[in-house]
Amino acid sequence: MEGNLPKESVAKLEKRLRHISGAIKQNGRKILANYPITSPQFIALQWIIDEEGLTIGELSNRIGLAFSTTTDLVDRMEKNGLVRRIKDEHDRRVVRIQPLEKGKSIIKEVIDKRREYLGEVLDNFTTEQTEVLNELLTQLYDKMILLNNR
C-alpha cells in the first residue's frame, strides 16, 4: 500500500499535519498560561480522566514518559489538588490515580476553549466540508492505531 501515493504527496501531507499539530499546541499553550497546570500535566490529566483508575505505570506508557518522571508529575498534580492516589480495592500494592473535581474542571474549561478556537478556524467551512474532514481524519487515525499495534 505504501507505493500507491507519490512521495511528494505524502511529504506534503506530513508537513501540513506537522504544522497543524504545531498550531494547535501553540494555541493550547496560550490557553494553559491562564491555568495552574503545565502542558505535560494537561496531557496526563486528560488520560487520567478518560481512563479513570490508571496506575502510574499505565499512565507512564500512555504519555511516553519514564516511570520516575511520571511519578514526579503525579506528585505535583496531587499537591495542586488535581488528582489523588487511591489503593486498589483488590490488591493493596496497586495504587491508582483518581481525578479530583478541580482537575476535571480545568480540563473541561481548557477543552472548551480549544474547541472555540477550532470553531473559529473552521468558521468558513461548510458543514459538509467539516464532516468530510472529520471522516478522513478518523480514517487516518484508525489506520495509525492499527499500524502502531502491529
Protein backbone atom coordinates (compact mmCIF):
# COMPACT_ATOMS: atom_id res chain seq x y z
CA MET A 1 0.00 0.00 0.00
CA GLU A 2 2.98 2.25 0.63
CA GLY A 3 3.79 2.68 -3.07
CA ASN A 4 0.33 3.87 -4.18
CA LEU A 5 0.88 7.57 -3.47
CA PRO A 6 3.57 9.82 -4.89
CA LYS A 7 6.28 10.57 -2.31
CA GLU A 8 5.73 14.30 -2.84
CA SER A 9 2.07 13.96 -1.81
CA VAL A 10 2.99 12.05 1.33
CA ALA A 11 5.72 14.58 2.17
CA LYS A 12 3.32 17.49 1.66
CA LEU A 13 0.68 15.84 3.86
CA GLU A 14 3.20 15.06 6.60
CA LYS A 15 4.39 18.65 6.60
CA ARG A 16 0.83 20.03 6.70
CA LEU A 17 -0.12 17.72 9.59
CA ARG A 18 3.04 18.73 11.47
CA HIS A 19 2.19 22.41 11.02
CA ILE A 20 -1.42 21.87 12.11
CA SER A 21 -0.26 19.99 15.19
CA GLY A 22 2.19 22.79 15.99
CA ALA A 23 -0.51 25.46 15.63
CA ILE A 24 -2.86 23.55 17.93
CA LYS A 25 -0.09 23.07 20.53
CA GLN A 26 0.88 26.73 20.35
CA ASN A 27 -2.71 27.83 20.91
CA GLY A 28 -3.05 25.25 23.68
CA ARG A 29 -0.03 26.69 25.48
CA LYS A 30 -1.60 30.16 25.32
CA ILE A 31 -4.78 28.80 26.88
CA LEU A 32 -2.87 26.88 29.58
CA ALA A 33 -1.00 30.04 30.59
CA ASN A 34 -4.20 31.09 32.38
CA TYR A 35 -4.35 27.90 34.47
CA PRO A 36 -2.22 26.42 37.27
CA ILE A 37 -1.22 23.43 35.12
CA THR A 38 1.68 22.61 32.81
CA SER A 39 1.40 21.13 29.35
CA PRO A 40 2.62 17.65 30.49
CA GLN A 41 0.16 17.78 33.40
CA PHE A 42 -2.63 18.67 30.97
CA ILE A 43 -1.82 15.65 28.79
CA ALA A 44 -1.55 13.34 31.79
CA LEU A 45 -4.75 14.65 33.36
CA GLN A 46 -6.68 14.02 30.15
CA TRP A 47 -5.59 10.36 30.24
CA ILE A 48 -6.43 10.10 33.94
CA ILE A 49 -9.94 11.43 33.27
CA ASP A 50 -10.52 9.44 30.08
CA GLU A 51 -9.31 6.16 31.57
CA GLU A 52 -10.11 6.57 35.23
CA GLY A 53 -8.25 4.20 37.51
CA LEU A 54 -4.90 4.20 35.70
CA THR A 55 -1.80 3.23 37.64
CA ILE A 56 1.32 5.38 37.36
CA GLY A 57 2.89 2.68 35.18
CA GLU A 58 -0.09 2.67 32.82
CA LEU A 59 -0.08 6.47 32.68
CA SER A 60 3.66 6.43 32.02
CA ASN A 61 3.08 4.18 28.99
CA ARG A 62 0.23 6.35 27.68
CA ILE A 63 2.16 9.62 27.82
CA GLY A 64 5.54 8.19 26.85
CA LEU A 65 7.47 9.38 29.89
CA ALA A 66 9.75 7.44 32.23
CA PHE A 67 8.10 5.97 35.31
CA SER A 68 10.09 8.26 37.65
CA THR A 69 9.17 11.35 35.60
CA THR A 70 5.50 10.33 35.65
CA THR A 71 5.68 9.80 39.42
CA ASP A 72 7.04 13.34 39.85
CA LEU A 73 4.29 14.67 37.55
CA VAL A 74 1.59 12.92 39.60
CA ASP A 75 3.20 14.17 42.83
CA ARG A 76 2.90 17.78 41.61
CA MET A 77 -0.68 17.26 40.40
CA GLU A 78 -1.60 15.71 43.75
CA LYS A 79 0.00 18.63 45.61
CA ASN A 80 -2.07 21.05 43.46
CA GLY A 81 -5.32 19.23 44.22
CA LEU A 82 -5.85 17.90 40.69
CA VAL A 83 -5.64 14.17 41.44
CA ARG A 84 -5.29 11.77 44.33
CA ARG A 85 -3.80 8.33 44.71
CA ILE A 86 -6.06 5.54 45.90
CA LYS A 87 -5.23 1.95 46.83
CA ASP A 88 -6.78 -0.70 44.61
CA GLU A 89 -9.66 -2.49 46.34
CA HIS A 90 -8.49 -5.93 45.19
CA ASP A 91 -4.72 -5.51 45.52
CA ARG A 92 -3.42 -3.07 48.14
CA ARG A 93 0.00 -3.00 46.43
CA VAL A 94 -1.57 -1.31 43.37
CA VAL A 95 -2.09 2.45 43.52
CA ARG A 96 -4.49 4.11 41.08
CA ILE A 97 -4.79 7.77 40.15
CA GLN A 98 -8.17 9.41 40.51
CA PRO A 99 -9.03 12.84 39.09
CA LEU A 100 -10.44 15.39 41.51
CA GLU A 101 -13.09 18.00 40.70
CA LYS A 102 -10.51 20.77 40.34
CA GLY A 103 -8.64 18.72 37.72
CA LYS A 104 -11.82 17.80 35.86
CA SER A 105 -12.95 21.42 35.87
CA ILE A 106 -9.66 22.70 34.44
CA ILE A 107 -9.65 20.09 31.68
CA LYS A 108 -13.26 20.91 30.76
CA GLU A 109 -12.56 24.66 30.61
CA VAL A 110 -9.38 24.23 28.54
CA ILE A 111 -11.02 21.77 26.13
CA ASP A 112 -13.98 24.14 25.74
CA LYS A 113 -11.57 26.96 24.83
CA ARG A 114 -9.69 24.71 22.41
CA ARG A 115 -12.98 23.83 20.74
CA GLU A 116 -13.87 27.52 20.47
CA TYR A 117 -10.53 28.08 18.73
CA LEU A 118 -11.15 25.20 16.34
CA GLY A 119 -14.65 26.55 15.69
CA GLU A 120 -13.12 29.88 14.68
CA VAL A 121 -10.66 28.10 12.39
CA LEU A 122 -13.49 26.13 10.76
CA ASP A 123 -15.82 29.13 10.55
CA ASN A 124 -15.71 29.36 6.74
CA PHE A 125 -16.00 25.61 6.19
CA THR A 126 -19.38 24.21 5.24
CA THR A 127 -20.97 21.53 7.40
CA GLU A 128 -20.28 19.03 4.61
CA GLN A 129 -16.60 20.01 4.41
CA THR A 130 -16.27 19.69 8.17
CA GLU A 131 -17.91 16.25 8.13
CA VAL A 132 -15.66 15.05 5.29
CA LEU A 133 -12.58 16.38 7.10
CA ASN A 134 -13.66 14.64 10.30
CA GLU A 135 -14.30 11.37 8.44
CA LEU A 136 -10.90 11.47 6.69
CA LEU A 137 -9.06 12.31 9.91
CA THR A 138 -10.87 9.46 11.67
CA GLN A 139 -9.76 7.05 8.92
CA LEU A 140 -6.19 8.35 9.19
CA TYR A 141 -6.17 7.97 12.97
CA ASP A 142 -7.71 4.47 12.86
CA LYS A 143 -5.06 3.34 10.38
CA MET A 144 -2.29 4.82 12.55
CA ILE A 145 -3.58 2.95 15.60
CA LEU A 146 -3.77 -0.26 13.57
CA LEU A 147 -0.17 0.12 12.35
CA ASN A 148 1.09 1.10 15.82
CA ASN A 149 -0.45 -2.02 17.37
CA ARG A 150 1.30 -4.42 14.98
